[in-house]
PDB file of N, CA and C in Angstrom:
ATOM      1  N   MET A   1      30.455 -12.433 -28.621  1.00  0.00           N
ATOM      2  CA  MET A   1      30.520 -11.042 -28.197  1.00  0.00           C
ATOM      3  C   MET A   1      29.859 -10.164 -29.258  1.00  0.00           C
ATOM      4  N   ALA A   2      29.266  -9.068 -28.803  1.00  0.00           N
ATOM      5  CA  ALA A   2      28.555  -8.167 -29.711  1.00  0.00           C
ATOM      6  C   ALA A   2      29.533  -7.437 -30.632  1.00  0.00           C
ATOM      7  N   ASN A   3      29.061  -7.157 -31.842  1.00  0.00           N
ATOM      8  CA  ASN A   3      29.902  -6.508 -32.830  1.00  0.00           C
ATOM      9  C   ASN A   3      29.550  -5.035 -33.071  1.00  0.00           C
ATOM     10  N   HIS A   4      28.402  -4.585 -32.587  1.00  0.00           N
ATOM     11  CA  HIS A   4      27.966  -3.210 -32.849  1.00  0.00           C
ATOM     12  C   HIS A   4      27.775  -2.462 -31.537  1.00  0.00           C
ATOM     13  N   LYS A   5      27.929  -1.141 -31.619  1.00  0.00           N
ATOM     14  CA  LYS A   5      27.742  -0.317 -30.436  1.00  0.00           C
ATOM     15  C   LYS A   5      26.329  -0.468 -29.884  1.00  0.00           C
ATOM     16  N   SER A   6      25.360  -0.523 -30.800  1.00  0.00           N
ATOM     17  CA  SER A   6      23.971  -0.636 -30.355  1.00  0.00           C
ATOM     18  C   SER A   6      23.726  -1.972 -29.643  1.00  0.00           C
ATOM     19  N   ALA A   7      24.394  -3.024 -30.093  1.00  0.00           N
ATOM     20  CA  ALA A   7      24.241  -4.319 -29.445  1.00  0.00           C
ATOM     21  C   ALA A   7      24.849  -4.310 -28.047  1.00  0.00           C
ATOM     22  N   LEU A   8      25.977  -3.623 -27.893  1.00  0.00           N
ATOM     23  CA  LEU A   8      26.588  -3.491 -26.572  1.00  0.00           C
ATOM     24  C   LEU A   8      25.671  -2.718 -25.634  1.00  0.00           C
ATOM     25  N   LYS A   9      25.073  -1.659 -26.156  1.00  0.00           N
ATOM     26  CA  LYS A   9      24.149  -0.866 -25.349  1.00  0.00           C
ATOM     27  C   LYS A   9      22.932  -1.709 -24.961  1.00  0.00           C
ATOM     28  N   ARG A  10      22.437  -2.507 -25.895  1.00  0.00           N
ATOM     29  CA  ARG A  10      21.281  -3.368 -25.623  1.00  0.00           C
ATOM     30  C   ARG A  10      21.610  -4.366 -24.525  1.00  0.00           C
ATOM     31  N   ILE A  11      22.820  -4.896 -24.519  1.00  0.00           N
ATOM     32  CA  ILE A  11      23.240  -5.834 -23.471  1.00  0.00           C
ATOM     33  C   ILE A  11      23.222  -5.145 -22.113  1.00  0.00           C
ATOM     34  N   ARG A  12      23.754  -3.925 -22.060  1.00  0.00           N
ATOM     35  CA  ARG A  12      23.756  -3.175 -20.800  1.00  0.00           C
ATOM     36  C   ARG A  12      22.344  -2.869 -20.342  1.00  0.00           C
ATOM     37  N   ALA A  13      21.503  -2.434 -21.250  1.00  0.00           N
ATOM     38  CA  ALA A  13      20.124  -2.074 -20.906  1.00  0.00           C
ATOM     39  C   ALA A  13      19.348  -3.300 -20.423  1.00  0.00           C
ATOM     40  N   ASN A  14      19.542  -4.429 -21.101  1.00  0.00           N
ATOM     41  CA  ASN A  14      18.838  -5.648 -20.705  1.00  0.00           C
ATOM     42  C   ASN A  14      19.230  -6.100 -19.303  1.00  0.00           C
ATOM     43  N   GLU A  15      20.494  -5.975 -18.975  1.00  0.00           N
ATOM     44  CA  GLU A  15      20.954  -6.357 -17.639  1.00  0.00           C
ATOM     45  C   GLU A  15      20.336  -5.457 -16.575  1.00  0.00           C
ATOM     46  N   THR A  16      20.279  -4.162 -16.850  1.00  0.00           N
ATOM     47  CA  THR A  16      19.674  -3.214 -15.919  1.00  0.00           C
ATOM     48  C   THR A  16      18.202  -3.544 -15.707  1.00  0.00           C
ATOM     49  N   LYS A  17      17.491  -3.806 -16.803  1.00  0.00           N
ATOM     50  CA  LYS A  17      16.069  -4.144 -16.704  1.00  0.00           C
ATOM     51  C   LYS A  17      15.859  -5.471 -15.975  1.00  0.00           C
ATOM     52  N   ARG A  18      16.726  -6.430 -16.232  1.00  0.00           N
ATOM     53  CA  ARG A  18      16.608  -7.733 -15.574  1.00  0.00           C
ATOM     54  C   ARG A  18      16.726  -7.584 -14.061  1.00  0.00           C
ATOM     55  N   LEU A  19      17.704  -6.794 -13.617  1.00  0.00           N
ATOM     56  CA  LEU A  19      17.900  -6.596 -12.185  1.00  0.00           C
ATOM     57  C   LEU A  19      16.719  -5.852 -11.556  1.00  0.00           C
ATOM     58  N   ARG A  20      16.210  -4.853 -12.267  1.00  0.00           N
ATOM     59  CA  ARG A  20      15.063  -4.102 -11.751  1.00  0.00           C
ATOM     60  C   ARG A  20      13.844  -5.005 -11.639  1.00  0.00           C
ATOM     61  N   ASN A  21      13.584  -5.816 -12.682  1.00  0.00           N
ATOM     62  CA  ASN A  21      12.439  -6.728 -12.664  1.00  0.00           C
ATOM     63  C   ASN A  21      12.565  -7.751 -11.538  1.00  0.00           C
ATOM     64  N   ARG A  22      13.781  -8.245 -11.363  1.00  0.00           N
ATOM     65  CA  ARG A  22      14.032  -9.238 -10.321  1.00  0.00           C
ATOM     66  C   ARG A  22      13.773  -8.648  -8.933  1.00  0.00           C
ATOM     67  N   TYR A  23      14.226  -7.414  -8.728  1.00  0.00           N
ATOM     68  CA  TYR A  23      14.020  -6.734  -7.445  1.00  0.00           C
ATOM     69  C   TYR A  23      12.532  -6.531  -7.181  1.00  0.00           C
ATOM     70  N   GLN A  24      11.797  -6.048  -8.178  1.00  0.00           N
ATOM     71  CA  GLN A  24      10.363  -5.791  -8.008  1.00  0.00           C
ATOM     72  C   GLN A  24       9.598  -7.086  -7.757  1.00  0.00           C
ATOM     73  N   HIS A  25       9.964  -8.142  -8.462  1.00  0.00           N
ATOM     74  CA  HIS A  25       9.302  -9.430  -8.289  1.00  0.00           C
ATOM     75  C   HIS A  25       9.547  -9.974  -6.886  1.00  0.00           C
ATOM     76  N   LYS A  26      10.782  -9.904  -6.426  1.00  0.00           N
ATOM     77  CA  LYS A  26      11.134 -10.411  -5.104  1.00  0.00           C
ATOM     78  C   LYS A  26      10.443  -9.597  -4.011  1.00  0.00           C
ATOM     79  N   THR A  27      10.387  -8.281  -4.181  1.00  0.00           N
ATOM     80  CA  THR A  27       9.732  -7.417  -3.205  1.00  0.00           C
ATOM     81  C   THR A  27       8.246  -7.751  -3.109  1.00  0.00           C
ATOM     82  N   THR A  28       7.619  -7.986  -4.251  1.00  0.00           N
ATOM     83  CA  THR A  28       6.199  -8.324  -4.265  1.00  0.00           C
ATOM     84  C   THR A  28       5.956  -9.666  -3.582  1.00  0.00           C
ATOM     85  N   ARG A  29       6.807 -10.655  -3.871  1.00  0.00           N
ATOM     86  CA  ARG A  29       6.644 -11.957  -3.227  1.00  0.00           C
ATOM     87  C   ARG A  29       6.778 -11.839  -1.711  1.00  0.00           C
ATOM     88  N   THR A  30       7.692 -10.996  -1.246  1.00  0.00           N
ATOM     89  CA  THR A  30       7.879 -10.782   0.180  1.00  0.00           C
ATOM     90  C   THR A  30       6.631 -10.158   0.792  1.00  0.00           C
ATOM     91  N   MET A  31       6.034  -9.205   0.089  1.00  0.00           N
ATOM     92  CA  MET A  31       4.824  -8.553   0.585  1.00  0.00           C
ATOM     93  C   MET A  31       3.651  -9.532   0.626  1.00  0.00           C
ATOM     94  N   VAL A  32       3.574 -10.425  -0.353  1.00  0.00           N
ATOM     95  CA  VAL A  32       2.514 -11.440  -0.358  1.00  0.00           C
ATOM     96  C   VAL A  32       2.672 -12.334   0.871  1.00  0.00           C
ATOM     97  N   ARG A  33       3.887 -12.758   1.164  1.00  0.00           N
ATOM     98  CA  ARG A  33       4.129 -13.585   2.350  1.00  0.00           C
ATOM     99  C   ARG A  33       3.761 -12.834   3.624  1.00  0.00           C
ATOM    100  N   LYS A  34       4.114 -11.565   3.666  1.00  0.00           N
ATOM    101  CA  LYS A  34       3.801 -10.739   4.830  1.00  0.00           C
ATOM    102  C   LYS A  34       2.287 -10.650   5.024  1.00  0.00           C
ATOM    103  N   LEU A  35       1.557 -10.477   3.930  1.00  0.00           N
ATOM    104  CA  LEU A  35       0.098 -10.413   3.997  1.00  0.00           C
ATOM    105  C   LEU A  35      -0.479 -11.734   4.493  1.00  0.00           C
ATOM    106  N   ARG A  36       0.044 -12.848   4.006  1.00  0.00           N
ATOM    107  CA  ARG A  36      -0.467 -14.160   4.431  1.00  0.00           C
ATOM    108  C   ARG A  36      -0.175 -14.442   5.898  1.00  0.00           C
ATOM    109  N   ASP A  37       0.869 -13.825   6.452  1.00  0.00           N
ATOM    110  CA  ASP A  37       1.202 -14.017   7.867  1.00  0.00           C
ATOM    111  C   ASP A  37       0.387 -13.119   8.784  1.00  0.00           C
ATOM    112  N   THR A  38      -0.278 -12.118   8.215  1.00  0.00           N
ATOM    113  CA  THR A  38      -1.032 -11.160   9.017  1.00  0.00           C
ATOM    114  C   THR A  38      -2.320 -11.798   9.509  1.00  0.00           C
ATOM    115  N   LYS A  39      -2.628 -11.582  10.787  1.00  0.00           N
ATOM    116  CA  LYS A  39      -3.857 -12.121  11.383  1.00  0.00           C
ATOM    117  C   LYS A  39      -4.889 -11.021  11.653  1.00  0.00           C
ATOM    118  N   ASP A  40      -4.468  -9.762  11.638  1.00  0.00           N
ATOM    119  CA  ASP A  40      -5.370  -8.642  11.904  1.00  0.00           C
ATOM    120  C   ASP A  40      -6.046  -8.207  10.603  1.00  0.00           C
ATOM    121  N   GLN A  41      -7.381  -8.137  10.604  1.00  0.00           N
ATOM    122  CA  GLN A  41      -8.133  -7.858   9.385  1.00  0.00           C
ATOM    123  C   GLN A  41      -7.902  -6.439   8.879  1.00  0.00           C
ATOM    124  N   VAL A  42      -7.803  -5.462   9.764  1.00  0.00           N
ATOM    125  CA  VAL A  42      -7.615  -4.066   9.357  1.00  0.00           C
ATOM    126  C   VAL A  42      -6.260  -3.876   8.678  1.00  0.00           C
ATOM    127  N   VAL A  43      -5.233  -4.430   9.280  1.00  0.00           N
ATOM    128  CA  VAL A  43      -3.891  -4.345   8.713  1.00  0.00           C
ATOM    129  C   VAL A  43      -3.833  -5.094   7.387  1.00  0.00           C
ATOM    130  N   ALA A  44      -4.472  -6.252   7.354  1.00  0.00           N
ATOM    131  CA  ALA A  44      -4.457  -7.074   6.147  1.00  0.00           C
ATOM    132  C   ALA A  44      -5.155  -6.370   4.988  1.00  0.00           C
ATOM    133  N   SER A  45      -6.270  -5.689   5.247  1.00  0.00           N
ATOM    134  CA  SER A  45      -6.982  -5.013   4.159  1.00  0.00           C
ATOM    135  C   SER A  45      -6.168  -3.854   3.594  1.00  0.00           C
ATOM    136  N   GLU A  46      -5.438  -3.155   4.446  1.00  0.00           N
ATOM    137  CA  GLU A  46      -4.564  -2.076   3.968  1.00  0.00           C
ATOM    138  C   GLU A  46      -3.403  -2.645   3.163  1.00  0.00           C
ATOM    139  N   LEU A  47      -2.836  -3.722   3.666  1.00  0.00           N
ATOM    140  CA  LEU A  47      -1.716  -4.365   2.981  1.00  0.00           C
ATOM    141  C   LEU A  47      -2.165  -4.973   1.655  1.00  0.00           C
ATOM    142  N   TYR A  48      -3.410  -5.451   1.607  1.00  0.00           N
ATOM    143  CA  TYR A  48      -3.942  -6.039   0.380  1.00  0.00           C
ATOM    144  C   TYR A  48      -3.980  -5.016  -0.749  1.00  0.00           C
ATOM    145  N   LYS A  49      -4.350  -3.785  -0.425  1.00  0.00           N
ATOM    146  CA  LYS A  49      -4.386  -2.734  -1.453  1.00  0.00           C
ATOM    147  C   LYS A  49      -3.003  -2.530  -2.063  1.00  0.00           C
ATOM    148  N   THR A  50      -1.987  -2.496  -1.227  1.00  0.00           N
ATOM    149  CA  THR A  50      -0.620  -2.305  -1.692  1.00  0.00           C
ATOM    150  C   THR A  50      -0.159  -3.488  -2.545  1.00  0.00           C
ATOM    151  N   VAL A  51      -0.404  -4.691  -2.044  1.00  0.00           N
ATOM    152  CA  VAL A  51       0.032  -5.899  -2.750  1.00  0.00           C
ATOM    153  C   VAL A  51      -0.702  -6.030  -4.089  1.00  0.00           C
ATOM    154  N   SER A  52      -1.978  -5.727  -4.083  1.00  0.00           N
ATOM    155  CA  SER A  52      -2.774  -5.805  -5.308  1.00  0.00           C
ATOM    156  C   SER A  52      -2.220  -4.862  -6.372  1.00  0.00           C
ATOM    157  N   SER A  53      -1.867  -3.669  -5.967  1.00  0.00           N
ATOM    158  CA  SER A  53      -1.285  -2.696  -6.887  1.00  0.00           C
ATOM    159  C   SER A  53       0.054  -3.184  -7.424  1.00  0.00           C
ATOM    160  N   MET A  54       0.875  -3.759  -6.554  1.00  0.00           N
ATOM    161  CA  MET A  54       2.177  -4.266  -6.976  1.00  0.00           C
ATOM    162  C   MET A  54       2.015  -5.394  -7.992  1.00  0.00           C
ATOM    163  N   LEU A  55       1.054  -6.285  -7.752  1.00  0.00           N
ATOM    164  CA  LEU A  55       0.820  -7.395  -8.682  1.00  0.00           C
ATOM    165  C   LEU A  55       0.349  -6.881 -10.036  1.00  0.00           C
ATOM    166  N   ASP A  56      -0.521  -5.877 -10.016  1.00  0.00           N
ATOM    167  CA  ASP A  56      -0.995  -5.297 -11.273  1.00  0.00           C
ATOM    168  C   ASP A  56       0.150  -4.691 -12.073  1.00  0.00           C
ATOM    169  N   LYS A  57       1.069  -4.024 -11.386  1.00  0.00           N
ATOM    170  CA  LYS A  57       2.211  -3.412 -12.074  1.00  0.00           C
ATOM    171  C   LYS A  57       3.124  -4.472 -12.678  1.00  0.00           C
ATOM    172  N   LEU A  58       3.334  -5.576 -11.953  1.00  0.00           N
ATOM    173  CA  LEU A  58       4.164  -6.652 -12.486  1.00  0.00           C
ATOM    174  C   LEU A  58       3.515  -7.266 -13.720  1.00  0.00           C
ATOM    175  N   ALA A  59       2.202  -7.444 -13.679  1.00  0.00           N
ATOM    176  CA  ALA A  59       1.500  -8.019 -14.814  1.00  0.00           C
ATOM    177  C   ALA A  59       1.528  -7.068 -16.011  1.00  0.00           C
ATOM    178  N   LYS A  60       1.387  -5.793 -15.742  1.00  0.00           N
ATOM    179  CA  LYS A  60       1.394  -4.797 -16.813  1.00  0.00           C
ATOM    180  C   LYS A  60       2.736  -4.795 -17.546  1.00  0.00           C
ATOM    181  N   LYS A  61       3.822  -5.007 -16.807  1.00  0.00           N
ATOM    182  CA  LYS A  61       5.156  -5.006 -17.400  1.00  0.00           C
ATOM    183  C   LYS A  61       5.594  -6.392 -17.873  1.00  0.00           C
ATOM    184  N   ASN A  62       4.677  -7.359 -17.845  1.00  0.00           N
ATOM    185  CA  ASN A  62       4.956  -8.734 -18.268  1.00  0.00           C
ATOM    186  C   ASN A  62       6.061  -9.400 -17.454  1.00  0.00           C
ATOM    187  N   ILE A  63       6.215  -8.999 -16.212  1.00  0.00           N
ATOM    188  CA  ILE A  63       7.161  -9.671 -15.326  1.00  0.00           C
ATOM    189  C   ILE A  63       6.522 -10.973 -14.840  1.00  0.00           C
ATOM    190  N   ILE A  64       5.216 -10.924 -14.578  1.00  0.00           N
ATOM    191  CA  ILE A  64       4.443 -12.129 -14.313  1.00  0.00           C
ATOM    192  C   ILE A  64       3.246 -12.125 -15.263  1.00  0.00           C
ATOM    193  N   HIS A  65       2.651 -13.272 -15.465  1.00  0.00           N
ATOM    194  CA  HIS A  65       1.508 -13.385 -16.369  1.00  0.00           C
ATOM    195  C   HIS A  65       0.284 -12.739 -15.723  1.00  0.00           C
ATOM    196  N   LYS A  66      -0.575 -12.148 -16.533  1.00  0.00           N
ATOM    197  CA  LYS A  66      -1.748 -11.447 -15.999  1.00  0.00           C
ATOM    198  C   LYS A  66      -2.683 -12.395 -15.252  1.00  0.00           C
ATOM    199  N   ASN A  67      -2.774 -13.653 -15.698  1.00  0.00           N
ATOM    200  CA  ASN A  67      -3.632 -14.606 -14.999  1.00  0.00           C
ATOM    201  C   ASN A  67      -3.051 -14.991 -13.640  1.00  0.00           C
ATOM    202  N   LYS A  68      -1.728 -15.054 -13.552  1.00  0.00           N
ATOM    203  CA  LYS A  68      -1.090 -15.342 -12.263  1.00  0.00           C
ATOM    204  C   LYS A  68      -1.381 -14.219 -11.278  1.00  0.00           C
ATOM    205  N   ALA A  69      -1.298 -12.977 -11.753  1.00  0.00           N
ATOM    206  CA  ALA A  69      -1.604 -11.833 -10.901  1.00  0.00           C
ATOM    207  C   ALA A  69      -3.056 -11.907 -10.436  1.00  0.00           C
ATOM    208  N   GLY A  70      -3.950 -12.222 -11.361  1.00  0.00           N
ATOM    209  CA  GLY A  70      -5.362 -12.323 -11.011  1.00  0.00           C
ATOM    210  C   GLY A  70      -5.627 -13.429 -10.003  1.00  0.00           C
ATOM    211  N   ASN A  71      -4.984 -14.578 -10.207  1.00  0.00           N
ATOM    212  CA  ASN A  71      -5.160 -15.696  -9.276  1.00  0.00           C
ATOM    213  C   ASN A  71      -4.650 -15.352  -7.882  1.00  0.00           C
ATOM    214  N   LEU A  72      -3.490 -14.710  -7.815  1.00  0.00           N
ATOM    215  CA  LEU A  72      -2.939 -14.319  -6.513  1.00  0.00           C
ATOM    216  C   LEU A  72      -3.845 -13.310  -5.818  1.00  0.00           C
ATOM    217  N   LYS A  73      -4.315 -12.332  -6.572  1.00  0.00           N
ATOM    218  CA  LYS A  73      -5.200 -11.316  -5.994  1.00  0.00           C
ATOM    219  C   LYS A  73      -6.485 -11.946  -5.474  1.00  0.00           C
ATOM    220  N   SER A  74      -7.016 -12.890  -6.224  1.00  0.00           N
ATOM    221  CA  SER A  74      -8.242 -13.567  -5.818  1.00  0.00           C
ATOM    222  C   SER A  74      -8.043 -14.340  -4.514  1.00  0.00           C
ATOM    223  N   LYS A  75      -6.952 -15.099  -4.448  1.00  0.00           N
ATOM    224  CA  LYS A  75      -6.677 -15.882  -3.243  1.00  0.00           C
ATOM    225  C   LYS A  75      -6.441 -14.981  -2.033  1.00  0.00           C
ATOM    226  N   LEU A  76      -5.719 -13.891  -2.248  1.00  0.00           N
ATOM    227  CA  LEU A  76      -5.440 -12.978  -1.139  1.00  0.00           C
ATOM    228  C   LEU A  76      -6.710 -12.269  -0.685  1.00  0.00           C
ATOM    229  N   ALA A  77      -7.588 -11.924  -1.619  1.00  0.00           N
ATOM    230  CA  ALA A  77      -8.856 -11.281  -1.267  1.00  0.00           C
ATOM    231  C   ALA A  77      -9.715 -12.224  -0.432  1.00  0.00           C
ATOM    232  N   ARG A  78      -9.739 -13.508  -0.834  1.00  0.00           N
ATOM    233  CA  ARG A  78     -10.497 -14.485  -0.049  1.00  0.00           C
ATOM    234  C   ARG A  78      -9.916 -14.616   1.356  1.00  0.00           C
ATOM    235  N   TYR A  79      -8.592 -14.575   1.454  1.00  0.00           N
ATOM    236  CA  TYR A  79      -7.940 -14.671   2.758  1.00  0.00           C
ATOM    237  C   TYR A  79      -8.316 -13.487   3.634  1.00  0.00           C
ATOM    238  N   VAL A  80      -8.236 -12.278   3.075  1.00  0.00           N
ATOM    239  CA  VAL A  80      -8.542 -11.067   3.849  1.00  0.00           C
ATOM    240  C   VAL A  80     -10.011 -11.071   4.266  1.00  0.00           C
ATOM    241  N   ASN A  81     -10.901 -11.444   3.353  1.00  0.00           N
ATOM    242  CA  ASN A  81     -12.322 -11.493   3.687  1.00  0.00           C
ATOM    243  C   ASN A  81     -12.611 -12.580   4.716  1.00  0.00           C
ATOM    244  N   GLY A  82     -11.853 -13.645   4.691  1.00  0.00           N
ATOM    245  CA  GLY A  82     -11.993 -14.697   5.686  1.00  0.00           C
ATOM    246  C   GLY A  82     -11.596 -14.246   7.071  1.00  0.00           C
ATOM    247  N   LEU A  83     -10.629 -13.350   7.133  1.00  0.00           N
ATOM    248  CA  LEU A  83     -10.228 -12.788   8.430  1.00  0.00           C
ATOM    249  C   LEU A  83     -11.371 -11.998   9.046  1.00  0.00           C
ATOM    250  N   ALA A  84     -12.146 -11.298   8.206  1.00  0.00           N
ATOM    251  CA  ALA A  84     -13.267 -10.502   8.691  1.00  0.00           C
ATOM    252  C   ALA A  84     -14.339 -11.410   9.298  1.00  0.00           C
ATOM    253  N   ALA A  85     -14.542 -12.568   8.682  1.00  0.00           N
ATOM    254  CA  ALA A  85     -15.572 -13.488   9.165  1.00  0.00           C
ATOM    255  C   ALA A  85     -15.191 -14.107  10.508  1.00  0.00           C
ATOM    256  N   THR A  86     -13.902 -14.364  10.716  1.00  0.00           N
ATOM    257  CA  THR A  86     -13.468 -15.004  11.948  1.00  0.00           C
ATOM    258  C   THR A  86     -13.294 -14.011  13.088  1.00  0.00           C
ATOM    259  N   ALA A  87     -13.157 -12.738  12.767  1.00  0.00           N
ATOM    260  CA  ALA A  87     -12.926 -11.729  13.817  1.00  0.00           C
ATOM    261  C   ALA A  87     -14.185 -11.406  14.584  1.00  0.00           C
TER     262      ALA A  87
END
């Protein structure tokens, strides 16, 4: 158990941040799945902008690694562009 007031505060703050990071990460993963399920190119391109921004924010806050964000964005961009070719 913590012995100082500042350590107790740090424990509370870390828990709050952990929950916020977990929520943002889960929300982003859900949006990625939603984008992959989309078959309409117009809807997918709009959704891609949102998902791309969310991934960048997660990478900026070190919730996910910057290369993971880049890899996901690349794969999703190829998927969206592939929808345009098949339409």
